Amino acid sequence: MQDAPQVTPQGEVQPAPTTSPMKPHRGGAILALGIIGIVVCFITGIIAWVMGSSDLKEMDAGIRDKSGYSLTKAGMICGIIGVILSVLSIFWVVFVVGLSSVLGAVGA
């Protein structure tokens, strides 16, 4: 529903104001995905990282509501931490399996 054009006291017709509402923030969802990324699954950490990054850019551009800035930032950081911890744990498992294979071959 659009507003009707406004008429000034001088009789001039002005176009209706176009108000484009800002997109709502998704800080809570991004924070939840980031926490799940740390605890359970690194894939949700990647999603939180990407969503948080794009939402923060939209907040800075004035497209998205800034009231969830801190939640979004925290969720993105949790996503980054979750991804880093997952990558480190994968490297650790590969190292331990490789080391045990080498030690098993030497002992045989």
PDB file of N, CA and C in Angstrom:
ATOM      1  N   MET A   1       0.848  -1.164   0.000  1.00  0.00           N
ATOM      2  CA  MET A   1       0.000   0.000   0.000  1.00  0.00           C
ATOM      3  C   MET A   1       0.894   1.227   0.000  1.00  0.00           C
ATOM      4  N   GLN A   2       0.736   2.087  -0.970  1.00  0.00           N
ATOM      5  CA  GLN A   2       1.553   3.279  -1.076  1.00  0.00           C
ATOM      6  C   GLN A   2       0.816   4.469  -0.488  1.00  0.00           C
ATOM      7  N   ASP A   3       1.621   5.422  -0.039  1.00  0.00           N
ATOM      8  CA  ASP A   3       1.035   6.662   0.444  1.00  0.00           C
ATOM      9  C   ASP A   3       0.571   7.498  -0.740  1.00  0.00           C
ATOM     10  N   ALA A   4      -0.434   8.315  -0.496  1.00  0.00           N
ATOM     11  CA  ALA A   4      -0.945   9.191  -1.548  1.00  0.00           C
ATOM     12  C   ALA A   4       0.004  10.365  -1.741  1.00  0.00           C
ATOM     13  N   PRO A   5       0.036  10.923  -2.948  1.00  0.00           N
ATOM     14  CA  PRO A   5       0.866  12.106  -3.160  1.00  0.00           C
ATOM     15  C   PRO A   5       0.423  13.236  -2.235  1.00  0.00           C
ATOM     16  N   GLN A   6       1.382  14.030  -1.806  1.00  0.00           N
ATOM     17  CA  GLN A   6       1.073  15.117  -0.893  1.00  0.00           C
ATOM     18  C   GLN A   6       1.000  16.440  -1.644  1.00  0.00           C
ATOM     19  N   VAL A   7       0.093  17.295  -1.185  1.00  0.00           N
ATOM     20  CA  VAL A   7      -0.086  18.610  -1.795  1.00  0.00           C
ATOM     21  C   VAL A   7       0.443  19.648  -0.822  1.00  0.00           C
ATOM     22  N   THR A   8       1.328  20.522  -1.308  1.00  0.00           N
ATOM     23  CA  THR A   8       1.877  21.582  -0.472  1.00  0.00           C
ATOM     24  C   THR A   8       0.861  22.724  -0.360  1.00  0.00           C
ATOM     25  N   PRO A   9       1.052  23.629   0.608  1.00  0.00           N
ATOM     26  CA  PRO A   9       0.127  24.767   0.746  1.00  0.00           C
ATOM     27  C   PRO A   9       0.060  25.648  -0.508  1.00  0.00           C
ATOM     28  N   GLN A  10       1.092  25.622  -1.332  1.00  0.00           N
ATOM     29  CA  GLN A  10       1.092  26.418  -2.556  1.00  0.00           C
ATOM     30  C   GLN A  10       0.339  25.711  -3.682  1.00  0.00           C
ATOM     31  N   GLY A  11      -0.158  24.519  -3.459  1.00  0.00           N
ATOM     32  CA  GLY A  11      -0.908  23.782  -4.461  1.00  0.00           C
ATOM     33  C   GLY A  11      -0.062  22.874  -5.326  1.00  0.00           C
ATOM     34  N   GLU A  12       1.224  22.746  -5.010  1.00  0.00           N
ATOM     35  CA  GLU A  12       2.093  21.863  -5.781  1.00  0.00           C
ATOM     36  C   GLU A  12       1.921  20.424  -5.288  1.00  0.00           C
ATOM     37  N   VAL A  13       1.924  19.529  -6.221  1.00  0.00           N
ATOM     38  CA  VAL A  13       1.804  18.109  -5.866  1.00  0.00           C
ATOM     39  C   VAL A  13       3.200  17.503  -5.819  1.00  0.00           C
ATOM     40  N   GLN A  14       3.503  16.882  -4.689  1.00  0.00           N
ATOM     41  CA  GLN A  14       4.782  16.196  -4.528  1.00  0.00           C
ATOM     42  C   GLN A  14       4.535  14.697  -4.602  1.00  0.00           C
ATOM     43  N   PRO A  15       5.486  13.962  -5.151  1.00  0.00           N
ATOM     44  CA  PRO A  15       5.300  12.508  -5.210  1.00  0.00           C
ATOM     45  C   PRO A  15       5.265  11.907  -3.809  1.00  0.00           C
ATOM     46  N   ALA A  16       4.628  10.773  -3.717  1.00  0.00           N
ATOM     47  CA  ALA A  16       4.525  10.096  -2.429  1.00  0.00           C
ATOM     48  C   ALA A  16       5.918   9.689  -1.962  1.00  0.00           C
ATOM     49  N   PRO A  17       6.175   9.815  -0.675  1.00  0.00           N
ATOM     50  CA  PRO A  17       7.495   9.408  -0.175  1.00  0.00           C
ATOM     51  C   PRO A  17       7.654   7.899  -0.301  1.00  0.00           C
ATOM     52  N   THR A  18       8.795   7.509  -0.798  1.00  0.00           N
ATOM     53  CA  THR A  18       9.066   6.076  -0.918  1.00  0.00           C
ATOM     54  C   THR A  18       9.906   5.654   0.271  1.00  0.00           C
ATOM     55  N   THR A  19       9.305   4.895   1.117  1.00  0.00           N
ATOM     56  CA  THR A  19      10.021   4.396   2.285  1.00  0.00           C
ATOM     57  C   THR A  19      10.305   2.927   2.061  1.00  0.00           C
ATOM     58  N   SER A  20      11.555   2.628   1.910  1.00  0.00           N
ATOM     59  CA  SER A  20      11.927   1.229   1.791  1.00  0.00           C
ATOM     60  C   SER A  20      12.408   0.772   3.161  1.00  0.00           C
ATOM     61  N   PRO A  21      11.648  -0.091   3.784  1.00  0.00           N
ATOM     62  CA  PRO A  21      12.043  -0.519   5.123  1.00  0.00           C
ATOM     63  C   PRO A  21      13.349  -1.304   5.074  1.00  0.00           C
ATOM     64  N   MET A  22      14.109  -1.173   6.134  1.00  0.00           N
ATOM     65  CA  MET A  22      15.373  -1.891   6.217  1.00  0.00           C
ATOM     66  C   MET A  22      15.096  -3.371   6.441  1.00  0.00           C
ATOM     67  N   LYS A  23      15.998  -4.200   5.953  1.00  0.00           N
ATOM     68  CA  LYS A  23      15.878  -5.629   6.210  1.00  0.00           C
ATOM     69  C   LYS A  23      16.120  -5.869   7.698  1.00  0.00           C
ATOM     70  N   PRO A  24      15.408  -6.810   8.301  1.00  0.00           N
ATOM     71  CA  PRO A  24      15.653  -7.105   9.719  1.00  0.00           C
ATOM     72  C   PRO A  24      17.004  -7.802   9.891  1.00  0.00           C
ATOM     73  N   HIS A  25      17.580  -7.637  11.071  1.00  0.00           N
ATOM     74  CA  HIS A  25      18.867  -8.303  11.314  1.00  0.00           C
ATOM     75  C   HIS A  25      18.626  -9.791  11.579  1.00  0.00           C
ATOM     76  N   ARG A  26      19.648 -10.590  11.342  1.00  0.00           N
ATOM     77  CA  ARG A  26      19.584 -12.025  11.588  1.00  0.00           C
ATOM     78  C   ARG A  26      20.631 -12.429  12.621  1.00  0.00           C
ATOM     79  N   GLY A  27      20.892 -11.540  13.563  1.00  0.00           N
ATOM     80  CA  GLY A  27      21.952 -11.763  14.538  1.00  0.00           C
ATOM     81  C   GLY A  27      21.768 -13.009  15.375  1.00  0.00           C
ATOM     82  N   GLY A  28      20.547 -13.258  15.827  1.00  0.00           N
ATOM     83  CA  GLY A  28      20.302 -14.440  16.656  1.00  0.00           C
ATOM     84  C   GLY A  28      20.546 -15.734  15.909  1.00  0.00           C
ATOM     85  N   ALA A  29      20.094 -15.791  14.667  1.00  0.00           N
ATOM     86  CA  ALA A  29      20.296 -16.990  13.856  1.00  0.00           C
ATOM     87  C   ALA A  29      21.777 -17.202  13.555  1.00  0.00           C
ATOM     88  N   ILE A  30      22.475 -16.117  13.261  1.00  0.00           N
ATOM     89  CA  ILE A  30      23.902 -16.229  12.949  1.00  0.00           C
ATOM     90  C   ILE A  30      24.680 -16.658  14.194  1.00  0.00           C
ATOM     91  N   LEU A  31      24.305 -16.115  15.352  1.00  0.00           N
ATOM     92  CA  LEU A  31      24.970 -16.518  16.595  1.00  0.00           C
ATOM     93  C   LEU A  31      24.715 -17.991  16.884  1.00  0.00           C
ATOM     94  N   ALA A  32      23.478 -18.442  16.695  1.00  0.00           N
ATOM     95  CA  ALA A  32      23.167 -19.855  16.932  1.00  0.00           C
ATOM     96  C   ALA A  32      23.966 -20.753  15.987  1.00  0.00           C
ATOM     97  N   LEU A  33      24.042 -20.378  14.721  1.00  0.00           N
ATOM     98  CA  LEU A  33      24.827 -21.163  13.764  1.00  0.00           C
ATOM     99  C   LEU A  33      26.304 -21.181  14.135  1.00  0.00           C
ATOM    100  N   GLY A  34      26.816 -20.050  14.609  1.00  0.00           N
ATOM    101  CA  GLY A  34      28.220 -19.992  15.013  1.00  0.00           C
ATOM    102  C   GLY A  34      28.517 -20.874  16.204  1.00  0.00           C
ATOM    103  N   ILE A  35      27.624 -20.879  17.191  1.00  0.00           N
ATOM    104  CA  ILE A  35      27.822 -21.728  18.376  1.00  0.00           C
ATOM    105  C   ILE A  35      27.732 -23.198  17.993  1.00  0.00           C
ATOM    106  N   ILE A  36      26.767 -23.537  17.158  1.00  0.00           N
ATOM    107  CA  ILE A  36      26.660 -24.919  16.686  1.00  0.00           C
ATOM    108  C   ILE A  36      27.910 -25.292  15.894  1.00  0.00           C
ATOM    109  N   GLY A  37      28.477 -24.332  15.179  1.00  0.00           N
ATOM    110  CA  GLY A  37      29.703 -24.575  14.427  1.00  0.00           C
ATOM    111  C   GLY A  37      30.878 -24.907  15.326  1.00  0.00           C
ATOM    112  N   ILE A  38      30.921 -24.320  16.500  1.00  0.00           N
ATOM    113  CA  ILE A  38      31.997 -24.629  17.451  1.00  0.00           C
ATOM    114  C   ILE A  38      31.773 -26.002  18.075  1.00  0.00           C
ATOM    115  N   VAL A  39      30.536 -26.283  18.464  1.00  0.00           N
ATOM    116  CA  VAL A  39      30.250 -27.469  19.262  1.00  0.00           C
ATOM    117  C   VAL A  39      30.075 -28.725  18.410  1.00  0.00           C
ATOM    118  N   VAL A  40      29.352 -28.632  17.309  1.00  0.00           N
ATOM    119  CA  VAL A  40      28.926 -29.835  16.602  1.00  0.00           C
ATOM    120  C   VAL A  40      29.516 -29.952  15.203  1.00  0.00           C
ATOM    121  N   CYS A  41      29.209 -29.002  14.339  1.00  0.00           N
ATOM    122  CA  CYS A  41      29.445 -29.190  12.910  1.00  0.00           C
ATOM    123  C   CYS A  41      30.059 -27.935  12.307  1.00  0.00           C
ATOM    124  N   PHE A  42      31.225 -28.083  11.699  1.00  0.00           N
ATOM    125  CA  PHE A  42      31.909 -26.916  11.146  1.00  0.00           C
ATOM    126  C   PHE A  42      31.179 -26.316   9.948  1.00  0.00           C
ATOM    127  N   ILE A  43      30.291 -27.075   9.317  1.00  0.00           N
ATOM    128  CA  ILE A  43      29.554 -26.550   8.161  1.00  0.00           C
ATOM    129  C   ILE A  43      28.674 -25.377   8.584  1.00  0.00           C
ATOM    130  N   THR A  44      28.049 -25.471   9.751  1.00  0.00           N
ATOM    131  CA  THR A  44      27.252 -24.339  10.223  1.00  0.00           C
ATOM    132  C   THR A  44      28.148 -23.165  10.587  1.00  0.00           C
ATOM    133  N   GLY A  45      29.383 -23.435  10.960  1.00  0.00           N
ATOM    134  CA  GLY A  45      30.341 -22.361  11.205  1.00  0.00           C
ATOM    135  C   GLY A  45      30.665 -21.603   9.928  1.00  0.00           C
ATOM    136  N   ILE A  46      30.801 -22.333   8.828  1.00  0.00           N
ATOM    137  CA  ILE A  46      31.045 -21.686   7.539  1.00  0.00           C
ATOM    138  C   ILE A  46      29.845 -20.829   7.152  1.00  0.00           C
ATOM    139  N   ILE A  47      28.635 -21.366   7.359  1.00  0.00           N
ATOM    140  CA  ILE A  47      27.421 -20.619   7.040  1.00  0.00           C
ATOM    141  C   ILE A  47      27.340 -19.350   7.886  1.00  0.00           C
ATOM    142  N   ALA A  48      27.640 -19.468   9.183  1.00  0.00           N
ATOM    143  CA  ALA A  48      27.614 -18.292  10.059  1.00  0.00           C
ATOM    144  C   ALA A  48      28.644 -17.260   9.628  1.00  0.00           C
ATOM    145  N   TRP A  49      29.802 -17.713   9.216  1.00  0.00           N
ATOM    146  CA  TRP A  49      30.875 -16.824   8.771  1.00  0.00           C
ATOM    147  C   TRP A  49      30.431 -16.035   7.539  1.00  0.00           C
ATOM    148  N   VAL A  50      29.875 -16.741   6.555  1.00  0.00           N
ATOM    149  CA  VAL A  50      29.463 -16.094   5.307  1.00  0.00           C
ATOM    150  C   VAL A  50      28.265 -15.164   5.533  1.00  0.00           C
ATOM    151  N   MET A  51      27.248 -15.660   6.255  1.00  0.00           N
ATOM    152  CA  MET A  51      26.063 -14.829   6.518  1.00  0.00           C
ATOM    153  C   MET A  51      26.433 -13.596   7.343  1.00  0.00           C
ATOM    154  N   GLY A  52      27.267 -13.797   8.362  1.00  0.00           N
ATOM    155  CA  GLY A  52      27.669 -12.681   9.207  1.00  0.00           C
ATOM    156  C   GLY A  52      28.433 -11.625   8.440  1.00  0.00           C
ATOM    157  N   SER A  53      29.326 -12.069   7.578  1.00  0.00           N
ATOM    158  CA  SER A  53      30.101 -11.126   6.787  1.00  0.00           C
ATOM    159  C   SER A  53      29.207 -10.292   5.873  1.00  0.00           C
ATOM    160  N   SER A  54      28.289 -10.965   5.171  1.00  0.00           N
ATOM    161  CA  SER A  54      27.410 -10.220   4.264  1.00  0.00           C
ATOM    162  C   SER A  54      26.444  -9.320   5.021  1.00  0.00           C
ATOM    163  N   ASP A  55      25.937  -9.780   6.167  1.00  0.00           N
ATOM    164  CA  ASP A  55      25.021  -8.949   6.945  1.00  0.00           C
ATOM    165  C   ASP A  55      25.723  -7.721   7.520  1.00  0.00           C
ATOM    166  N   LEU A  56      26.958  -7.878   7.964  1.00  0.00           N
ATOM    167  CA  LEU A  56      27.693  -6.724   8.487  1.00  0.00           C
ATOM    168  C   LEU A  56      27.943  -5.691   7.391  1.00  0.00           C
ATOM    169  N   LYS A  57      28.230  -6.162   6.172  1.00  0.00           N
ATOM    170  CA  LYS A  57      28.401  -5.229   5.053  1.00  0.00           C
ATOM    171  C   LYS A  57      27.095  -4.496   4.764  1.00  0.00           C
ATOM    172  N   GLU A  58      25.972  -5.229   4.817  1.00  0.00           N
ATOM    173  CA  GLU A  58      24.676  -4.590   4.581  1.00  0.00           C
ATOM    174  C   GLU A  58      24.328  -3.614   5.696  1.00  0.00           C
ATOM    175  N   MET A  59      24.710  -3.920   6.929  1.00  0.00           N
ATOM    176  CA  MET A  59      24.462  -3.003   8.043  1.00  0.00           C
ATOM    177  C   MET A  59      25.276  -1.719   7.863  1.00  0.00           C
ATOM    178  N   ASP A  60      26.513  -1.867   7.439  1.00  0.00           N
ATOM    179  CA  ASP A  60      27.353  -0.688   7.215  1.00  0.00           C
ATOM    180  C   ASP A  60      26.828   0.163   6.064  1.00  0.00           C
ATOM    181  N   ALA A  61      26.195  -0.491   5.073  1.00  0.00           N
ATOM    182  CA  ALA A  61      25.642   0.235   3.930  1.00  0.00           C
ATOM    183  C   ALA A  61      24.263   0.823   4.225  1.00  0.00           C
ATOM    184  N   GLY A  62      23.679   0.475   5.364  1.00  0.00           N
ATOM    185  CA  GLY A  62      22.366   1.006   5.719  1.00  0.00           C
ATOM    186  C   GLY A  62      21.202   0.225   5.141  1.00  0.00           C
ATOM    187  N   ILE A  63      21.465  -0.969   4.634  1.00  0.00           N
ATOM    188  CA  ILE A  63      20.405  -1.794   4.048  1.00  0.00           C
ATOM    189  C   ILE A  63      19.726  -2.644   5.114  1.00  0.00           C
ATOM    190  N   ARG A  64      20.476  -3.062   6.116  1.00  0.00           N
ATOM    191  CA  ARG A  64      19.975  -3.960   7.153  1.00  0.00           C
ATOM    192  C   ARG A  64      19.987  -3.245   8.505  1.00  0.00           C
ATOM    193  N   ASP A  65      19.055  -3.633   9.366  1.00  0.00           N
ATOM    194  CA  ASP A  65      18.903  -3.030  10.691  1.00  0.00           C
ATOM    195  C   ASP A  65      20.167  -3.240  11.523  1.00  0.00           C
ATOM    196  N   LYS A  66      20.690  -2.152  12.091  1.00  0.00           N
ATOM    197  CA  LYS A  66      21.949  -2.216  12.847  1.00  0.00           C
ATOM    198  C   LYS A  66      21.766  -2.646  14.296  1.00  0.00           C
ATOM    199  N   SER A  67      20.542  -2.865  14.742  1.00  0.00           N
ATOM    200  CA  SER A  67      20.342  -3.209  16.145  1.00  0.00           C
ATOM    201  C   SER A  67      20.927  -4.580  16.493  1.00  0.00           C
ATOM    202  N   GLY A  68      21.146  -5.444  15.513  1.00  0.00           N
ATOM    203  CA  GLY A  68      21.730  -6.754  15.772  1.00  0.00           C
ATOM    204  C   GLY A  68      23.189  -6.855  15.402  1.00  0.00           C
ATOM    205  N   TYR A  69      23.876  -5.712  15.357  1.00  0.00           N
ATOM    206  CA  TYR A  69      25.274  -5.689  14.925  1.00  0.00           C
ATOM    207  C   TYR A  69      26.152  -6.562  15.821  1.00  0.00           C
ATOM    208  N   SER A  70      26.017  -6.419  17.139  1.00  0.00           N
ATOM    209  CA  SER A  70      26.892  -7.172  18.048  1.00  0.00           C
ATOM    210  C   SER A  70      26.590  -8.665  18.009  1.00  0.00           C
ATOM    211  N   LEU A  71      25.311  -9.038  17.894  1.00  0.00           N
ATOM    212  CA  LEU A  71      24.969 -10.459  17.773  1.00  0.00           C
ATOM    213  C   LEU A  71      25.539 -11.047  16.487  1.00  0.00           C
ATOM    214  N   THR A  72      25.414 -10.297  15.404  1.00  0.00           N
ATOM    215  CA  THR A  72      25.925 -10.759  14.122  1.00  0.00           C
ATOM    216  C   THR A  72      27.438 -10.909  14.157  1.00  0.00           C
ATOM    217  N   LYS A  73      28.108  -9.929  14.733  1.00  0.00           N
ATOM    218  CA  LYS A  73      29.575  -9.974  14.837  1.00  0.00           C
ATOM    219  C   LYS A  73      30.018 -11.156  15.698  1.00  0.00           C
ATOM    220  N   ALA A  74      29.328 -11.374  16.826  1.00  0.00           N
ATOM    221  CA  ALA A  74      29.673 -12.496  17.709  1.00  0.00           C
ATOM    222  C   ALA A  74      29.440 -13.831  17.012  1.00  0.00           C
ATOM    223  N   GLY A  75      28.346 -13.950  16.271  1.00  0.00           N
ATOM    224  CA  GLY A  75      28.068 -15.182  15.546  1.00  0.00           C
ATOM    225  C   GLY A  75      29.086 -15.456  14.469  1.00  0.00           C
ATOM    226  N   MET A  76      29.502 -14.396  13.758  1.00  0.00           N
ATOM    227  CA  MET A  76      30.517 -14.563  12.731  1.00  0.00           C
ATOM    228  C   MET A  76      31.840 -15.003  13.353  1.00  0.00           C
ATOM    229  N   ILE A  77      32.197 -14.412  14.480  1.00  0.00           N
ATOM    230  CA  ILE A  77      33.444 -14.791  15.148  1.00  0.00           C
ATOM    231  C   ILE A  77      33.366 -16.231  15.639  1.00  0.00           C
ATOM    232  N   CYS A  78      32.220 -16.640  16.186  1.00  0.00           N
ATOM    233  CA  CYS A  78      32.053 -18.036  16.609  1.00  0.00           C
ATOM    234  C   CYS A  78      32.176 -18.975  15.414  1.00  0.00           C
ATOM    235  N   GLY A  79      31.623 -18.584  14.276  1.00  0.00           N
ATOM    236  CA  GLY A  79      31.760 -19.397  13.068  1.00  0.00           C
ATOM    237  C   GLY A  79      33.203 -19.543  12.639  1.00  0.00           C
ATOM    238  N   ILE A  80      33.951 -18.444  12.686  1.00  0.00           N
ATOM    239  CA  ILE A  80      35.372 -18.488  12.327  1.00  0.00           C
ATOM    240  C   ILE A  80      36.132 -19.408  13.281  1.00  0.00           C
ATOM    241  N   ILE A  81      35.863 -19.283  14.580  1.00  0.00           N
ATOM    242  CA  ILE A  81      36.524 -20.133  15.571  1.00  0.00           C
ATOM    243  C   ILE A  81      36.177 -21.596  15.339  1.00  0.00           C
ATOM    244  N   GLY A  82      34.906 -21.881  15.044  1.00  0.00           N
ATOM    245  CA  GLY A  82      34.495 -23.253  14.781  1.00  0.00           C
ATOM    246  C   GLY A  82      35.202 -23.854  13.583  1.00  0.00           C
ATOM    247  N   VAL A  83      35.346 -23.077  12.525  1.00  0.00           N
ATOM    248  CA  VAL A  83      36.035 -23.567  11.322  1.00  0.00           C
ATOM    249  C   VAL A  83      37.513 -23.811  11.623  1.00  0.00           C
ATOM    250  N   ILE A  84      38.139 -22.885  12.332  1.00  0.00           N
ATOM    251  CA  ILE A  84      39.565 -23.037  12.660  1.00  0.00           C
ATOM    252  C   ILE A  84      39.791 -24.266  13.538  1.00  0.00           C
ATOM    253  N   LEU A  85      38.941 -24.451  14.553  1.00  0.00           N
ATOM    254  CA  LEU A  85      39.082 -25.625  15.421  1.00  0.00           C
ATOM    255  C   LEU A  85      38.861 -26.921  14.651  1.00  0.00           C
ATOM    256  N   SER A  86      37.935 -26.922  13.722  1.00  0.00           N
ATOM    257  CA  SER A  86      37.692 -28.126  12.917  1.00  0.00           C
ATOM    258  C   SER A  86      38.876 -28.449  12.024  1.00  0.00           C
ATOM    259  N   VAL A  87      39.433 -27.427  11.387  1.00  0.00           N
ATOM    260  CA  VAL A  87      40.599 -27.652  10.529  1.00  0.00           C
ATOM    261  C   VAL A  87      41.783 -28.154  11.352  1.00  0.00           C
ATOM    262  N   LEU A  88      41.997 -27.562  12.528  1.00  0.00           N
ATOM    263  CA  LEU A  88      43.093 -28.024  13.384  1.00  0.00           C
ATOM    264  C   LEU A  88      42.883 -29.457  13.851  1.00  0.00           C
ATOM    265  N   SER A  89      41.643 -29.809  14.170  1.00  0.00           N
ATOM    266  CA  SER A  89      41.384 -31.184  14.612  1.00  0.00           C
ATOM    267  C   SER A  89      41.559 -32.173  13.465  1.00  0.00           C
ATOM    268  N   ILE A  90      41.198 -31.789  12.257  1.00  0.00           N
ATOM    269  CA  ILE A  90      41.416 -32.668  11.097  1.00  0.00           C
ATOM    270  C   ILE A  90      42.910 -32.879  10.878  1.00  0.00           C
ATOM    271  N   PHE A  91      43.704 -31.809  10.963  1.00  0.00           N
ATOM    272  CA  PHE A  91      45.155 -31.956  10.833  1.00  0.00           C
ATOM    273  C   PHE A  91      45.718 -32.843  11.939  1.00  0.00           C
ATOM    274  N   TRP A  92      45.199 -32.715  13.153  1.00  0.00           N
ATOM    275  CA  TRP A  92      45.669 -33.517  14.269  1.00  0.00           C
ATOM    276  C   TRP A  92      45.379 -35.002  14.036  1.00  0.00           C
ATOM    277  N   VAL A  93      44.176 -35.308  13.559  1.00  0.00           N
ATOM    278  CA  VAL A  93      43.821 -36.708  13.292  1.00  0.00           C
ATOM    279  C   VAL A  93      44.705 -37.270  12.189  1.00  0.00           C
ATOM    280  N   VAL A  94      44.926 -36.504  11.128  1.00  0.00           N
ATOM    281  CA  VAL A  94      45.794 -36.967  10.041  1.00  0.00           C
ATOM    282  C   VAL A  94      47.205 -37.192  10.556  1.00  0.00           C
ATOM    283  N   PHE A  95      47.691 -36.306  11.412  1.00  0.00           N
ATOM    284  CA  PHE A  95      49.037 -36.457  11.975  1.00  0.00           C
ATOM    285  C   PHE A  95      49.138 -37.708  12.840  1.00  0.00           C
ATOM    286  N   VAL A  96      48.149 -37.932  13.705  1.00  0.00           N
ATOM    287  CA  VAL A  96      48.188 -39.090  14.604  1.00  0.00           C
ATOM    288  C   VAL A  96      48.075 -40.394  13.814  1.00  0.00           C
ATOM    289  N   VAL A  97      47.185 -40.432  12.827  1.00  0.00           N
ATOM    290  CA  VAL A  97      47.045 -41.634  12.004  1.00  0.00           C
ATOM    291  C   VAL A  97      48.335 -41.878  11.217  1.00  0.00           C
ATOM    292  N   GLY A  98      48.916 -40.831  10.653  1.00  0.00           N
ATOM    293  CA  GLY A  98      50.178 -40.981   9.913  1.00  0.00           C
ATOM    294  C   GLY A  98      51.305 -41.432  10.809  1.00  0.00           C
ATOM    295  N   LEU A  99      51.383 -40.863  12.005  1.00  0.00           N
ATOM    296  CA  LEU A  99      52.436 -41.229  12.947  1.00  0.00           C
ATOM    297  C   LEU A  99      52.283 -42.664  13.398  1.00  0.00           C
ATOM    298  N   SER A 100      51.051 -43.082  13.663  1.00  0.00           N
ATOM    299  CA  SER A 100      50.842 -44.463  14.095  1.00  0.00           C
ATOM    300  C   SER A 100      51.150 -45.433  12.953  1.00  0.00           C
ATOM    301  N   SER A 101      50.898 -45.032  11.722  1.00  0.00           N
ATOM    302  CA  SER A 101      51.244 -45.896  10.574  1.00  0.00           C
ATOM    303  C   SER A 101      52.752 -46.040  10.441  1.00  0.00           C
ATOM    304  N   VAL A 102      53.460 -44.936  10.606  1.00  0.00           N
ATOM    305  CA  VAL A 102      54.922 -44.976  10.517  1.00  0.00           C
ATOM    306  C   VAL A 102      55.506 -45.810  11.655  1.00  0.00           C
ATOM    307  N   LEU A 103      55.013 -45.597  12.865  1.00  0.00           N
ATOM    308  CA  LEU A 103      55.523 -46.357  14.005  1.00  0.00           C
ATOM    309  C   LEU A 103      55.164 -47.835  13.906  1.00  0.00           C
ATOM    310  N   GLY A 104      54.004 -48.143  13.343  1.00  0.00           N
ATOM    311  CA  GLY A 104      53.607 -49.532  13.137  1.00  0.00           C
ATOM    312  C   GLY A 104      54.486 -50.225  12.104  1.00  0.00           C
ATOM    313  N   ALA A 105      54.878 -49.501  11.054  1.00  0.00           N
ATOM    314  CA  ALA A 105      55.742 -50.066  10.026  1.00  0.00           C
ATOM    315  C   ALA A 105      57.156 -50.265  10.542  1.00  0.00           C
ATOM    316  N   VAL A 106      57.629 -49.386  11.419  1.00  0.00           N
ATOM    317  CA  VAL A 106      58.976 -49.493  11.965  1.00  0.00           C
ATOM    318  C   VAL A 106      59.052 -50.656  12.949  1.00  0.00           C
ATOM    319  N   GLY A 107      57.996 -50.850  13.723  1.00  0.00           N
ATOM    320  CA  GLY A 107      57.987 -51.917  14.742  1.00  0.00           C
ATOM    321  C   GLY A 107      57.784 -53.297  14.157  1.00  0.00           C
ATOM    322  N   ALA A 108      57.298 -53.405  12.936  1.00  0.00           N
ATOM    323  CA  ALA A 108      56.982 -54.721  12.385  1.00  0.00           C
ATOM    324  C   ALA A 108      58.183 -55.410  11.802  1.00  0.00           C
TER     325      ALA A 108
END
